[in-house]
N, C-alpha and C. Protein backbone atom coordinates (compact mmCIF):
# COMPACT_ATOMS: atom_id res chain seq x y z
N UNK A 1 -164.72 -27.85 87.98
CA UNK A 1 -163.84 -26.60 87.01
C UNK A 1 -162.94 -25.82 87.98
N UNK A 2 -163.46 -25.92 89.39
CA UNK A 2 -162.29 -25.90 90.26
C UNK A 2 -161.17 -26.24 90.59
N UNK A 3 -160.84 -27.67 89.87
CA UNK A 3 -159.80 -28.23 90.26
C UNK A 3 -158.67 -27.84 88.95
N UNK A 4 -159.74 -27.56 88.50
CA UNK A 4 -158.63 -27.11 86.90
C UNK A 4 -157.89 -26.17 87.36
N UNK A 5 -158.51 -24.66 87.57
CA UNK A 5 -158.23 -23.68 88.15
C UNK A 5 -157.13 -24.00 89.39
N UNK A 6 -157.50 -24.81 90.17
CA UNK A 6 -156.18 -25.29 91.26
C UNK A 6 -155.27 -25.64 90.41
N UNK A 7 -155.59 -26.45 89.72
CA UNK A 7 -153.65 -27.55 88.76
C UNK A 7 -153.54 -26.26 87.54
N UNK A 8 -154.09 -25.34 87.72
CA UNK A 8 -153.26 -23.91 86.75
C UNK A 8 -151.95 -23.22 87.01
N UNK A 9 -151.62 -22.86 88.25
CA UNK A 9 -150.58 -22.58 89.02
C UNK A 9 -149.38 -23.65 88.32
N UNK A 10 -149.79 -24.63 89.06
CA UNK A 10 -148.99 -26.29 89.42
C UNK A 10 -148.15 -25.78 87.25
N UNK A 11 -149.37 -26.33 86.41
CA UNK A 11 -149.02 -26.29 85.42
C UNK A 11 -148.20 -25.26 84.81
N UNK A 12 -148.19 -23.45 85.19
CA UNK A 12 -147.52 -22.70 84.82
C UNK A 12 -145.95 -22.68 85.01
N UNK A 13 -146.25 -23.49 86.33
CA UNK A 13 -144.80 -23.75 87.28
C UNK A 13 -143.82 -24.46 86.39
N UNK A 14 -145.03 -25.25 86.04
CA UNK A 14 -144.04 -26.49 84.96
C UNK A 14 -144.14 -26.17 84.31
N UNK A 15 -144.28 -25.44 82.99
CA UNK A 15 -143.98 -24.88 82.04
C UNK A 15 -143.09 -23.91 82.11
N UNK A 16 -142.72 -23.72 82.94
CA UNK A 16 -141.66 -22.47 83.47
C UNK A 16 -140.37 -22.96 83.72
N UNK A 17 -141.08 -24.27 84.28
CA UNK A 17 -139.58 -24.61 84.72
C UNK A 17 -138.51 -25.64 83.63
N UNK A 18 -139.52 -26.33 82.88
CA UNK A 18 -139.68 -27.08 81.77
C UNK A 18 -138.70 -25.89 80.09
N UNK A 19 -139.14 -24.94 80.90
CA UNK A 19 -138.66 -23.89 79.65
C UNK A 19 -137.23 -23.40 80.13
N UNK A 20 -137.00 -23.13 81.53
CA UNK A 20 -135.89 -22.78 82.06
C UNK A 20 -134.50 -24.03 81.83
N UNK A 21 -135.28 -24.99 81.97
CA UNK A 21 -134.41 -26.30 81.66
C UNK A 21 -134.11 -26.55 79.98
N UNK A 22 -135.09 -26.56 79.40
CA UNK A 22 -134.40 -25.89 78.50
C UNK A 22 -133.94 -24.73 77.85
N UNK A 23 -133.69 -24.13 78.38
CA UNK A 23 -132.82 -22.70 77.70
C UNK A 23 -131.43 -23.40 78.59
N UNK A 24 -131.74 -23.77 79.55
CA UNK A 24 -130.17 -24.00 80.45
C UNK A 24 -128.90 -25.04 79.19
N UNK A 25 -130.47 -25.92 78.80
CA UNK A 25 -129.76 -26.98 78.05
C UNK A 25 -129.38 -26.48 76.58
N UNK A 26 -129.63 -25.82 75.99
CA UNK A 26 -129.91 -25.05 75.30
C UNK A 26 -128.75 -24.00 74.96
N UNK A 27 -128.43 -23.21 76.18
CA UNK A 27 -126.76 -22.65 76.04
C UNK A 27 -125.82 -23.35 76.55
N UNK A 28 -125.88 -24.72 77.24
CA UNK A 28 -125.17 -25.50 78.01
C UNK A 28 -124.63 -25.88 76.05
N UNK A 29 -125.40 -27.00 75.32
CA UNK A 29 -124.82 -26.95 74.45
C UNK A 29 -124.32 -26.17 73.57
N UNK A 30 -124.82 -25.19 73.31
CA UNK A 30 -123.76 -23.92 72.44
C UNK A 30 -122.80 -23.57 72.91
N UNK A 31 -122.67 -23.43 74.78
CA UNK A 31 -121.31 -23.05 74.98
C UNK A 31 -120.30 -24.15 74.76
N UNK A 32 -121.02 -25.55 74.34
CA UNK A 32 -120.40 -26.20 74.48
C UNK A 32 -119.45 -26.67 72.84
N UNK A 33 -120.52 -26.12 72.02
CA UNK A 33 -119.99 -26.52 70.79
C UNK A 33 -118.89 -25.21 70.80
N UNK A 34 -118.92 -23.86 71.02
CA UNK A 34 -118.08 -22.85 71.25
C UNK A 34 -116.83 -23.41 71.42
N UNK A 35 -116.21 -23.59 72.80
CA UNK A 35 -115.89 -24.32 73.40
C UNK A 35 -114.92 -25.52 72.54
N UNK A 36 -115.96 -26.14 71.88
CA UNK A 36 -115.27 -27.35 70.58
C UNK A 36 -114.33 -26.78 69.41
N UNK A 37 -115.40 -26.35 68.95
CA UNK A 37 -114.57 -24.63 67.85
C UNK A 37 -113.82 -24.52 68.36
N UNK A 38 -113.67 -23.44 69.77
CA UNK A 38 -112.14 -23.23 69.99
C UNK A 38 -110.81 -23.99 70.02
N UNK A 39 -111.31 -25.54 70.56
CA UNK A 39 -110.24 -26.14 70.73
C UNK A 39 -109.58 -26.94 69.07
N UNK A 40 -110.66 -26.62 68.66
CA UNK A 40 -110.70 -27.50 67.66
C UNK A 40 -109.41 -26.98 66.84
N UNK A 41 -110.25 -25.32 66.89
CA UNK A 41 -109.58 -24.09 65.65
C UNK A 41 -107.98 -24.29 66.48
N UNK A 42 -107.96 -24.60 67.89
CA UNK A 42 -106.30 -23.95 68.62
C UNK A 42 -105.54 -25.30 67.71
N UNK A 43 -105.88 -26.42 68.11
CA UNK A 43 -105.52 -27.69 67.54
C UNK A 43 -104.85 -28.18 66.48
N UNK A 44 -105.85 -27.13 65.27
CA UNK A 44 -105.10 -27.16 64.22
C UNK A 44 -103.91 -26.14 63.85
N UNK A 45 -104.34 -24.83 64.24
CA UNK A 45 -103.18 -24.14 64.54
C UNK A 45 -101.48 -24.58 65.29
N UNK A 46 -102.03 -24.92 66.11
CA UNK A 46 -100.40 -25.88 66.57
C UNK A 46 -100.33 -26.84 65.58
N UNK A 47 -100.92 -27.89 65.41
CA UNK A 47 -100.59 -28.95 64.23
C UNK A 47 -99.80 -28.61 62.78
N UNK A 48 -100.27 -27.42 62.63
CA UNK A 48 -100.24 -26.73 61.36
C UNK A 48 -98.68 -25.83 61.72
N UNK A 49 -98.85 -25.05 62.36
CA UNK A 49 -97.56 -24.41 62.68
C UNK A 49 -96.76 -25.78 63.23
N UNK A 50 -96.08 -26.54 63.67
CA UNK A 50 -95.30 -27.76 64.12
C UNK A 50 -95.37 -28.04 62.77
N UNK A 51 -95.74 -28.68 61.67
CA UNK A 51 -95.64 -29.76 60.88
C UNK A 51 -94.97 -28.37 60.07
N UNK A 52 -94.93 -26.98 60.09
CA UNK A 52 -94.12 -26.09 58.61
C UNK A 52 -92.71 -26.11 59.46
N UNK A 53 -92.70 -26.19 60.66
CA UNK A 53 -91.63 -25.95 61.28
C UNK A 53 -90.54 -27.20 61.09
N UNK A 54 -91.72 -28.14 60.90
CA UNK A 54 -90.60 -29.74 60.39
C UNK A 54 -90.38 -29.54 58.82
N UNK A 55 -91.34 -29.08 58.38
CA UNK A 55 -91.02 -28.68 56.71
C UNK A 55 -89.68 -27.98 56.45
N UNK A 56 -89.75 -26.54 57.35
CA UNK A 56 -88.32 -25.69 56.95
C UNK A 56 -87.15 -26.40 57.28
N UNK A 57 -87.35 -27.04 58.62
CA UNK A 57 -86.06 -27.74 58.92
C UNK A 57 -85.44 -28.86 57.62
N UNK A 58 -86.91 -29.81 57.47
CA UNK A 58 -86.29 -30.79 56.82
C UNK A 58 -85.70 -30.17 55.12
N UNK A 59 -86.38 -29.12 54.75
CA UNK A 59 -85.66 -28.40 53.53
C UNK A 59 -84.69 -27.98 53.48
N UNK A 60 -84.25 -27.10 54.93
CA UNK A 60 -83.01 -26.68 55.03
C UNK A 60 -81.70 -27.61 55.59
N UNK A 61 -82.24 -28.93 55.98
CA UNK A 61 -81.31 -29.48 56.06
C UNK A 61 -80.82 -30.19 55.02
N UNK A 62 -81.91 -30.49 53.85
CA UNK A 62 -81.38 -31.09 52.47
C UNK A 62 -80.67 -30.37 51.88
N UNK A 63 -81.07 -28.65 51.37
CA UNK A 63 -80.51 -27.97 50.60
C UNK A 63 -78.52 -27.81 51.57
N UNK A 64 -78.64 -28.01 52.69
CA UNK A 64 -77.25 -28.28 53.09
C UNK A 64 -76.14 -29.21 53.05
N UNK A 65 -77.23 -30.42 52.61
CA UNK A 65 -76.39 -31.53 52.15
C UNK A 65 -76.36 -31.62 50.23
N UNK A 66 -77.57 -31.17 49.93
CA UNK A 66 -76.87 -31.09 49.05
C UNK A 66 -75.92 -30.62 47.95
N UNK A 67 -75.35 -29.14 49.27
CA UNK A 67 -74.48 -28.07 48.76
C UNK A 67 -73.49 -28.97 48.69
N UNK A 68 -73.19 -29.82 49.96
CA UNK A 68 -71.84 -30.14 50.20
C UNK A 68 -71.75 -31.10 49.44
N UNK A 69 -73.19 -32.16 48.65
CA UNK A 69 -72.72 -33.23 47.73
C UNK A 69 -71.93 -32.51 46.05
N UNK A 70 -72.43 -31.23 46.07
CA UNK A 70 -72.36 -30.70 44.74
C UNK A 70 -71.02 -30.12 45.09
N UNK A 71 -70.61 -29.45 46.07
CA UNK A 71 -69.30 -28.79 46.95
C UNK A 71 -68.21 -30.43 46.51
N UNK A 72 -68.73 -31.29 47.56
CA UNK A 72 -67.64 -32.72 46.64
C UNK A 72 -67.21 -31.98 45.47
N UNK A 73 -68.65 -32.84 44.60
CA UNK A 73 -68.38 -33.54 42.85
C UNK A 73 -67.79 -32.15 42.55
N UNK A 74 -67.56 -31.39 43.24
CA UNK A 74 -66.62 -29.89 42.53
C UNK A 74 -65.34 -30.11 42.10
N UNK A 75 -65.20 -30.58 43.44
CA UNK A 75 -63.69 -30.33 44.12
C UNK A 75 -62.81 -31.82 43.38
N UNK A 76 -63.48 -32.70 43.06
CA UNK A 76 -63.03 -33.37 42.09
C UNK A 76 -62.85 -33.49 40.94
N UNK A 77 -63.76 -32.93 39.99
CA UNK A 77 -64.02 -32.62 39.20
C UNK A 77 -63.08 -31.70 38.78
N UNK A 78 -62.28 -30.60 39.27
CA UNK A 78 -61.50 -29.63 39.04
C UNK A 78 -60.52 -30.44 39.77
N UNK A 79 -60.41 -31.08 40.77
CA UNK A 79 -58.68 -31.84 40.62
C UNK A 79 -58.41 -32.33 39.66
N UNK A 80 -59.58 -33.88 38.82
CA UNK A 80 -59.06 -34.31 37.80
C UNK A 80 -59.00 -33.17 36.92
N UNK A 81 -59.80 -32.39 36.62
CA UNK A 81 -58.84 -31.57 35.15
C UNK A 81 -57.69 -30.77 35.91
N UNK A 82 -57.59 -30.41 37.43
CA UNK A 82 -56.17 -29.83 36.76
C UNK A 82 -54.95 -30.73 36.95
N UNK A 83 -55.15 -32.54 37.59
CA UNK A 83 -54.32 -33.40 37.12
C UNK A 83 -53.55 -33.46 35.02
N UNK A 84 -54.91 -33.79 34.73
CA UNK A 84 -54.71 -33.70 33.26
C UNK A 84 -54.38 -32.43 33.06
N UNK A 85 -54.69 -31.61 33.01
CA UNK A 85 -53.42 -30.69 32.27
C UNK A 85 -52.17 -30.32 32.64
N UNK A 86 -51.94 -30.84 34.15
CA UNK A 86 -50.34 -30.58 34.52
C UNK A 86 -49.65 -32.24 33.84
N UNK A 87 -50.31 -33.27 34.04
CA UNK A 87 -49.58 -34.25 32.87
C UNK A 87 -49.47 -33.61 31.20
N UNK A 88 -50.47 -32.84 30.88
CA UNK A 88 -50.60 -31.96 29.45
C UNK A 88 -49.06 -31.59 29.13
N UNK A 89 -48.95 -31.00 30.48
CA UNK A 89 -47.64 -29.17 30.04
C UNK A 89 -46.76 -30.62 30.76
N UNK A 90 -46.69 -31.67 31.36
CA UNK A 90 -45.35 -32.39 31.64
C UNK A 90 -44.85 -32.39 29.97
N UNK A 91 -46.23 -33.38 29.41
CA UNK A 91 -45.82 -34.04 28.36
C UNK A 91 -44.82 -33.15 26.92
N UNK A 92 -46.16 -31.86 27.24
CA UNK A 92 -45.74 -30.85 26.73
C UNK A 92 -44.18 -30.55 26.83
N UNK A 93 -43.94 -29.72 27.84
CA UNK A 93 -42.65 -29.61 28.16
C UNK A 93 -41.59 -30.63 27.55
N UNK A 94 -41.68 -31.76 28.46
CA UNK A 94 -40.63 -32.85 27.58
C UNK A 94 -41.14 -32.96 26.46
N UNK A 95 -41.24 -33.11 25.11
CA UNK A 95 -41.68 -33.00 23.43
C UNK A 95 -41.18 -31.40 23.10
N UNK A 96 -41.29 -29.98 24.19
CA UNK A 96 -39.91 -29.18 23.35
C UNK A 96 -38.52 -29.31 23.59
N UNK A 97 -38.66 -29.79 25.00
CA UNK A 97 -37.53 -29.86 25.50
C UNK A 97 -36.38 -30.71 24.34
N UNK A 98 -36.91 -31.88 23.97
CA UNK A 98 -36.14 -32.63 22.79
C UNK A 98 -36.13 -32.01 21.88
N UNK A 99 -37.29 -31.72 20.91
CA UNK A 99 -36.91 -30.78 19.62
C UNK A 99 -35.91 -30.10 19.76
N UNK A 100 -35.99 -28.97 20.69
CA UNK A 100 -34.80 -28.96 20.69
C UNK A 100 -33.68 -28.85 21.37
N UNK A 101 -33.03 -29.86 21.67
CA UNK A 101 -32.20 -30.67 21.93
C UNK A 101 -31.60 -31.13 20.53
N UNK A 102 -32.96 -31.36 19.81
CA UNK A 102 -32.18 -31.88 18.56
C UNK A 102 -31.82 -30.72 17.53
N UNK A 103 -32.87 -29.54 17.70
CA UNK A 103 -32.33 -28.43 16.85
C UNK A 103 -30.68 -28.40 17.03
N UNK A 104 -30.20 -27.98 18.61
CA UNK A 104 -28.75 -28.35 18.86
C UNK A 104 -27.96 -28.95 18.60
N UNK A 105 -28.46 -30.34 18.44
CA UNK A 105 -27.82 -31.41 17.78
C UNK A 105 -27.14 -31.50 16.57
N UNK A 106 -27.84 -30.94 15.87
CA UNK A 106 -28.29 -30.51 14.05
C UNK A 106 -27.48 -29.44 13.61
N UNK A 107 -27.56 -28.61 15.04
CA UNK A 107 -26.91 -26.80 14.15
C UNK A 107 -24.72 -27.44 14.40
N UNK A 108 -24.98 -28.14 16.01
CA UNK A 108 -23.68 -28.62 16.29
C UNK A 108 -23.15 -29.52 15.17
N UNK A 109 -23.48 -30.49 14.50
CA UNK A 109 -23.69 -31.19 13.60
C UNK A 109 -22.89 -29.91 12.69
N UNK A 110 -24.06 -29.50 11.57
CA UNK A 110 -23.51 -28.56 10.72
C UNK A 110 -22.16 -27.49 10.79
N UNK A 111 -22.41 -27.27 12.04
CA UNK A 111 -20.69 -26.61 12.21
C UNK A 111 -19.46 -26.96 11.62
N UNK A 112 -19.83 -28.38 12.34
CA UNK A 112 -18.54 -29.39 12.30
C UNK A 112 -17.94 -29.47 11.11
N UNK A 113 -19.31 -30.07 9.87
CA UNK A 113 -18.90 -30.30 8.98
C UNK A 113 -18.16 -28.96 7.95
N UNK A 114 -18.91 -27.48 8.36
CA UNK A 114 -18.24 -26.51 7.88
C UNK A 114 -17.10 -25.93 8.12
N UNK A 115 -16.60 -26.71 9.67
CA UNK A 115 -15.11 -26.58 9.70
C UNK A 115 -14.02 -26.53 9.30
N UNK A 116 -13.08 -26.27 8.89
CA UNK A 116 -11.72 -26.54 8.24
C UNK A 116 -10.74 -27.16 9.59
N UNK A 117 -11.12 -28.27 9.59
CA UNK A 117 -10.03 -29.60 11.27
C UNK A 117 -9.16 -29.79 10.98
N UNK A 118 -7.94 -29.52 11.04
CA UNK A 118 -6.53 -30.00 10.59
C UNK A 118 -6.59 -31.25 11.20
N UNK A 119 -6.93 -31.76 12.27
CA UNK A 119 -6.50 -32.87 13.04
C UNK A 119 -7.81 -33.71 13.91
N UNK A 120 -7.37 -34.25 14.00
CA UNK A 120 -8.41 -35.48 15.35
C UNK A 120 -8.57 -34.48 16.60
N UNK A 121 -7.43 -34.06 16.93
CA UNK A 121 -7.32 -33.51 18.22
C UNK A 121 -8.12 -32.25 18.26
N UNK A 122 -8.32 -31.48 16.62
CA UNK A 122 -9.09 -29.95 16.57
C UNK A 122 -10.72 -30.23 16.71
N UNK A 123 -10.69 -31.69 15.90
CA UNK A 123 -12.15 -31.95 15.98
C UNK A 123 -12.62 -32.30 17.58
N UNK A 124 -11.71 -33.33 18.43
CA UNK A 124 -12.31 -33.87 19.57
C UNK A 124 -12.67 -32.15 20.52
N UNK A 125 -11.92 -31.03 20.41
CA UNK A 125 -11.79 -30.22 21.01
C UNK A 125 -13.15 -29.13 20.47
N UNK A 126 -13.39 -29.24 19.76
CA UNK A 126 -14.64 -28.39 19.27
C UNK A 126 -16.13 -29.55 19.72
N UNK A 127 -15.67 -30.20 19.24
CA UNK A 127 -16.99 -31.49 19.80
C UNK A 127 -17.52 -31.19 21.25
N UNK A 128 -16.22 -31.27 22.42
CA UNK A 128 -16.46 -31.09 23.42
C UNK A 128 -16.64 -30.24 23.72
N UNK A 129 -16.11 -28.99 23.17
CA UNK A 129 -17.15 -27.23 23.62
C UNK A 129 -18.68 -28.00 23.24
N UNK A 130 -19.18 -28.05 22.04
CA UNK A 130 -20.00 -28.21 21.58
C UNK A 130 -21.22 -28.90 22.80
N UNK A 131 -20.69 -30.08 22.70
CA UNK A 131 -21.39 -30.68 24.01
C UNK A 131 -21.63 -30.40 25.03
N UNK A 132 -20.57 -29.04 26.04
CA UNK A 132 -20.41 -28.74 26.97
C UNK A 132 -21.87 -28.00 27.17
N UNK A 133 -22.30 -27.54 25.53
CA UNK A 133 -23.16 -25.99 25.56
C UNK A 133 -24.44 -26.85 25.74
N UNK A 134 -24.52 -28.10 24.54
CA UNK A 134 -25.48 -28.73 24.66
C UNK A 134 -26.14 -28.98 26.10
N UNK A 135 -25.53 -29.75 26.50
CA UNK A 135 -25.54 -29.85 28.36
C UNK A 135 -26.16 -29.11 28.77
N UNK A 136 -25.47 -27.90 28.77
CA UNK A 136 -25.94 -27.18 29.62
C UNK A 136 -27.12 -25.75 29.43
N UNK A 137 -27.28 -26.09 28.12
CA UNK A 137 -28.97 -25.79 27.46
C UNK A 137 -29.60 -27.39 28.06
N UNK A 138 -29.54 -27.95 27.79
CA UNK A 138 -30.53 -29.01 28.77
C UNK A 138 -30.62 -28.96 30.07
N UNK A 139 -29.33 -28.74 30.81
CA UNK A 139 -29.65 -28.67 32.91
C UNK A 139 -30.48 -26.63 32.69
N UNK A 140 -30.53 -25.61 31.51
CA UNK A 140 -31.31 -25.01 32.16
C UNK A 140 -32.57 -25.29 31.80
N UNK A 141 -33.15 -26.41 30.68
CA UNK A 141 -34.21 -26.38 30.33
C UNK A 141 -34.97 -27.65 31.12
N UNK A 142 -34.17 -28.30 32.19
CA UNK A 142 -34.52 -28.94 33.42
C UNK A 142 -35.16 -28.25 34.09
N UNK A 143 -33.94 -27.04 34.97
CA UNK A 143 -34.21 -26.44 35.88
C UNK A 143 -35.75 -25.56 35.22
N UNK A 144 -36.05 -25.35 35.04
CA UNK A 144 -37.22 -24.62 34.54
C UNK A 144 -38.34 -25.41 34.42
N UNK A 145 -38.13 -26.50 33.89
CA UNK A 145 -39.99 -27.35 34.22
C UNK A 145 -39.29 -27.89 35.56
N UNK A 146 -38.60 -28.24 36.39
CA UNK A 146 -38.56 -28.78 37.34
C UNK A 146 -39.64 -27.82 38.40
N UNK A 147 -39.19 -26.43 37.84
CA UNK A 147 -39.35 -25.55 39.18
C UNK A 147 -40.65 -25.51 39.12
N UNK A 148 -42.00 -25.74 37.93
CA UNK A 148 -42.93 -25.02 38.64
C UNK A 148 -43.96 -26.11 38.79
N UNK A 149 -44.68 -25.84 39.88
CA UNK A 149 -45.39 -26.08 40.98
C UNK A 149 -47.12 -25.74 40.55
N UNK A 150 -47.84 -26.69 40.39
CA UNK A 150 -49.17 -26.66 39.47
C UNK A 150 -49.74 -25.74 40.82
N UNK A 151 -50.79 -24.84 40.76
CA UNK A 151 -51.36 -23.66 41.71
C UNK A 151 -52.61 -25.60 42.53
N UNK A 152 -52.68 -25.73 43.63
CA UNK A 152 -53.24 -26.50 44.38
C UNK A 152 -55.23 -25.40 44.62
N UNK A 153 -56.06 -26.28 45.30
CA UNK A 153 -57.81 -26.08 45.50
C UNK A 153 -57.97 -25.72 46.63
N UNK A 154 -58.19 -24.46 46.83
CA UNK A 154 -58.83 -24.04 48.39
C UNK A 154 -60.06 -23.58 48.02
N UNK A 155 -60.88 -24.04 49.38
CA UNK A 155 -62.78 -23.22 48.65
C UNK A 155 -62.37 -22.73 49.91
N UNK A 156 -62.49 -21.37 49.55
CA UNK A 156 -63.40 -20.32 50.88
C UNK A 156 -64.61 -20.00 50.20
N UNK A 157 -65.11 -19.72 51.56
CA UNK A 157 -67.27 -18.84 51.50
C UNK A 157 -66.93 -17.79 50.37
N UNK A 158 -67.62 -17.27 49.86
CA UNK A 158 -67.72 -16.30 49.72
C UNK A 158 -68.83 -15.28 51.22
N UNK A 159 -68.47 -13.83 51.03
CA UNK A 159 -68.95 -12.98 51.49
C UNK A 159 -70.39 -13.34 51.95
N UNK A 160 -71.08 -13.10 50.77
CA UNK A 160 -72.57 -13.65 51.02
C UNK A 160 -73.36 -15.30 51.31
N UNK A 161 -72.43 -15.56 51.89
CA UNK A 161 -72.49 -16.67 51.76
C UNK A 161 -73.91 -16.41 53.09
N UNK A 162 -74.20 -15.66 53.97
CA UNK A 162 -75.03 -15.97 54.39
C UNK A 162 -76.23 -14.94 54.61
N UNK A 163 -77.05 -14.52 53.31
CA UNK A 163 -77.89 -13.83 52.82
C UNK A 163 -78.64 -14.54 52.50
N UNK A 164 -80.23 -14.41 52.00
CA UNK A 164 -80.52 -14.81 51.07
C UNK A 164 -80.22 -14.77 50.07
N UNK A 165 -80.39 -16.70 49.41
CA UNK A 165 -79.62 -16.58 47.84
C UNK A 165 -78.60 -16.30 47.60
N UNK A 166 -78.16 -16.41 48.86
CA UNK A 166 -76.18 -15.94 49.21
C UNK A 166 -75.00 -16.86 48.16
N UNK A 167 -74.17 -16.26 47.65
CA UNK A 167 -73.39 -17.46 46.98
C UNK A 167 -72.77 -18.20 47.48
N UNK A 168 -72.32 -19.91 46.51
CA UNK A 168 -71.88 -20.76 47.16
C UNK A 168 -70.89 -20.95 47.22
N UNK A 169 -69.88 -21.47 47.72
CA UNK A 169 -68.26 -21.39 48.20
C UNK A 169 -67.25 -21.47 46.52
N UNK A 170 -66.53 -20.45 46.58
CA UNK A 170 -65.99 -20.57 45.29
C UNK A 170 -64.54 -21.34 45.42
N UNK A 171 -64.26 -21.98 44.29
CA UNK A 171 -62.73 -22.48 44.07
C UNK A 171 -62.06 -21.95 44.08
N UNK A 172 -60.73 -21.05 44.42
CA UNK A 172 -59.76 -20.26 44.22
C UNK A 172 -58.13 -20.91 44.45
N UNK A 173 -57.69 -20.47 43.35
CA UNK A 173 -55.97 -21.22 43.18
C UNK A 173 -55.55 -20.72 44.63
N UNK A 174 -54.95 -21.47 45.24
CA UNK A 174 -54.42 -21.45 45.85
C UNK A 174 -52.20 -20.84 45.63
N UNK A 175 -52.11 -19.28 46.24
CA UNK A 175 -51.02 -19.01 45.43
C UNK A 175 -49.65 -20.16 45.48
N UNK A 176 -48.85 -19.68 44.28
CA UNK A 176 -47.86 -21.04 44.34
C UNK A 176 -46.66 -20.35 46.03
N UNK A 177 -46.15 -21.21 46.36
CA UNK A 177 -44.86 -20.55 47.25
C UNK A 177 -43.58 -20.09 46.38
N UNK A 178 -43.53 -19.30 47.13
CA UNK A 178 -42.09 -18.74 46.41
C UNK A 178 -41.03 -19.78 46.13
N UNK A 179 -40.53 -20.35 45.16
CA UNK A 179 -39.02 -21.32 44.91
C UNK A 179 -37.79 -20.31 44.44
N UNK A 180 -37.25 -20.99 44.99
CA UNK A 180 -35.69 -20.25 44.51
C UNK A 180 -35.10 -20.03 43.30
N UNK A 181 -34.90 -18.57 42.88
CA UNK A 181 -33.82 -18.28 42.21
C UNK A 181 -33.47 -19.47 41.04
N UNK A 182 -33.94 -19.64 40.14
CA UNK A 182 -33.22 -20.31 39.46
C UNK A 182 -32.28 -19.83 38.36
N UNK A 183 -31.35 -20.34 37.93
CA UNK A 183 -29.89 -19.59 37.30
C UNK A 183 -30.72 -19.73 35.18
N UNK A 184 -31.05 -18.77 35.03
CA UNK A 184 -31.38 -18.82 33.60
C UNK A 184 -30.83 -19.75 33.01
N UNK A 185 -31.49 -20.31 31.56
CA UNK A 185 -30.33 -21.13 30.91
C UNK A 185 -29.98 -20.44 29.46
N UNK A 186 -28.73 -20.07 29.70
CA UNK A 186 -27.87 -18.95 28.87
C UNK A 186 -28.23 -19.73 27.19
N UNK A 187 -28.76 -18.64 26.77
CA UNK A 187 -29.40 -19.00 24.64
C UNK A 187 -28.26 -19.50 24.29
N UNK A 188 -28.08 -20.37 23.02
CA UNK A 188 -27.47 -20.79 22.58
C UNK A 188 -26.99 -19.64 21.21
N UNK A 189 -25.67 -19.62 21.54
CA UNK A 189 -24.62 -18.82 20.46
C UNK A 189 -24.05 -19.63 19.73
N UNK A 190 -24.33 -18.97 18.05
CA UNK A 190 -23.06 -19.51 17.09
C UNK A 190 -21.97 -19.38 17.46
N UNK A 191 -21.61 -20.79 17.08
CA UNK A 191 -20.34 -21.00 17.77
C UNK A 191 -19.80 -20.49 16.79
N UNK A 192 -18.50 -20.21 17.81
CA UNK A 192 -17.45 -19.20 16.57
C UNK A 192 -16.70 -20.10 16.07
N UNK A 193 -16.00 -19.17 15.03
CA UNK A 193 -14.82 -20.21 14.19
C UNK A 193 -13.59 -20.74 15.55
N UNK A 194 -12.97 -21.66 15.15
CA UNK A 194 -12.18 -21.87 16.13
C UNK A 194 -10.81 -21.21 15.99
N UNK A 195 -10.34 -21.10 17.40
CA UNK A 195 -9.25 -20.11 17.66
C UNK A 195 -8.22 -21.01 17.61
N UNK A 196 -7.26 -20.21 17.20
CA UNK A 196 -5.61 -21.09 17.19
C UNK A 196 -5.49 -20.64 18.89
N UNK A 197 -4.88 -21.93 19.19
CA UNK A 197 -4.34 -21.66 20.67
C UNK A 197 -2.46 -22.29 20.79
N UNK A 198 -2.41 -22.21 21.90
CA UNK A 198 -1.19 -22.47 22.32
C UNK A 198 -1.16 -24.27 22.80
N UNK A 199 -2.98 -24.60 22.76
CA UNK A 199 -2.28 -26.00 23.52
C UNK A 199 -2.78 -27.00 22.12
N UNK A 200 -2.72 -26.65 21.03
CA UNK A 200 -2.82 -27.32 19.26
C UNK A 200 -1.86 -27.15 18.96
N UNK A 201 -1.13 -25.56 18.61
CA UNK A 201 -0.70 -25.26 17.85
C UNK A 201 0.85 -25.14 18.34
N UNK A 202 0.77 -24.96 19.61
CA UNK A 202 1.95 -24.13 20.28
C UNK A 202 2.25 -22.55 20.21
N UNK A 203 2.94 -21.79 21.24
CA UNK A 203 3.17 -20.33 20.95
C UNK A 203 3.34 -19.92 19.66
N UNK A 204 2.51 -18.95 19.48
CA UNK A 204 2.12 -17.82 17.90
C UNK A 204 3.19 -16.76 18.28
N UNK A 205 3.99 -16.46 17.29
CA UNK A 205 3.90 -15.03 16.88
C UNK A 205 3.48 -13.84 16.98
N UNK A 206 3.68 -13.22 18.02
CA UNK A 206 2.85 -11.67 17.88
C UNK A 206 3.36 -10.65 16.41
N UNK A 207 1.99 -10.88 15.93
CA UNK A 207 2.71 -10.05 14.27
C UNK A 207 3.04 -8.39 14.48
N UNK A 208 4.51 -7.73 14.14
CA UNK A 208 5.01 -6.64 14.18
C UNK A 208 3.13 -5.51 14.18
N UNK A 209 3.14 -4.54 14.62
CA UNK A 209 3.08 -3.25 14.74
C UNK A 209 4.18 -2.21 14.09
N UNK A 210 3.13 -1.70 14.09
CA UNK A 210 4.05 -0.21 13.26
C UNK A 210 3.17 1.04 14.27
N UNK A 211 4.14 0.91 15.28
CA UNK A 211 4.51 2.28 15.65
C UNK A 211 4.11 3.87 15.75
N UNK A 212 5.49 4.25 15.08
CA UNK A 212 5.60 5.33 13.97
C UNK A 212 6.30 5.56 13.33
N UNK A 213 6.30 6.58 12.46
CA UNK A 213 7.03 6.39 10.85
C UNK A 213 7.73 7.33 10.73
N UNK A 214 8.58 7.47 10.37
CA UNK A 214 9.64 8.81 10.33
C UNK A 214 10.01 8.59 8.97
N UNK A 215 9.85 9.92 8.13
CA UNK A 215 10.37 10.38 7.08
C UNK A 215 11.17 10.98 6.64
N UNK A 216 12.36 11.17 5.80
CA UNK A 216 13.34 12.20 5.81
C UNK A 216 12.90 12.57 4.03
N UNK A 217 12.99 13.93 4.98
CA UNK A 217 13.00 14.92 3.17
C UNK A 217 14.15 14.55 2.45
N UNK A 218 14.28 14.66 0.77
CA UNK A 218 14.88 14.15 0.38
C UNK A 218 15.77 15.61 -0.44
């Protein structure tokens, strides 16, 4: 009986010590779990932030690359269309020039057919003048065709390129360089009837003109 009473304080101390150890172990484990939770949350936040930044950089680079590719494709397409339009305009100009020259030739031939030319010299003189008129008209049309300069393409970024959803670079026609003034071709005038000149028929007498008249009273 006494033995049990003697052992009871030791038993209580052991229980208290065991409780303290258990409580310490529980608190340590809880703190470790809390620190582990905090470390995992911080790692996840850092990983997510890094991945988000990488994704944004990749997306931005992809958009820039695609924009450059689309701009180059647009530039090539516009250049091809501009060249096609220039060739079409050249062909149209040449066609119209030939048509107008044919009209002038036909008109000159009709004038020759209507004229009452007495000698071969008269016909040659009129024909030379008509040919000079046709040559002058042809030179004027050639000068007009050569003075045309097709516009070049220049890409100028729009003012809102840096804003969200900013505009893309737009192609703008470059102002044509000023060309020296070309003489305007003289419009073909209907040929006048041949005039008697001194080189064909010699000097002509000037017709008499009545200047004054005197009347005598009868």
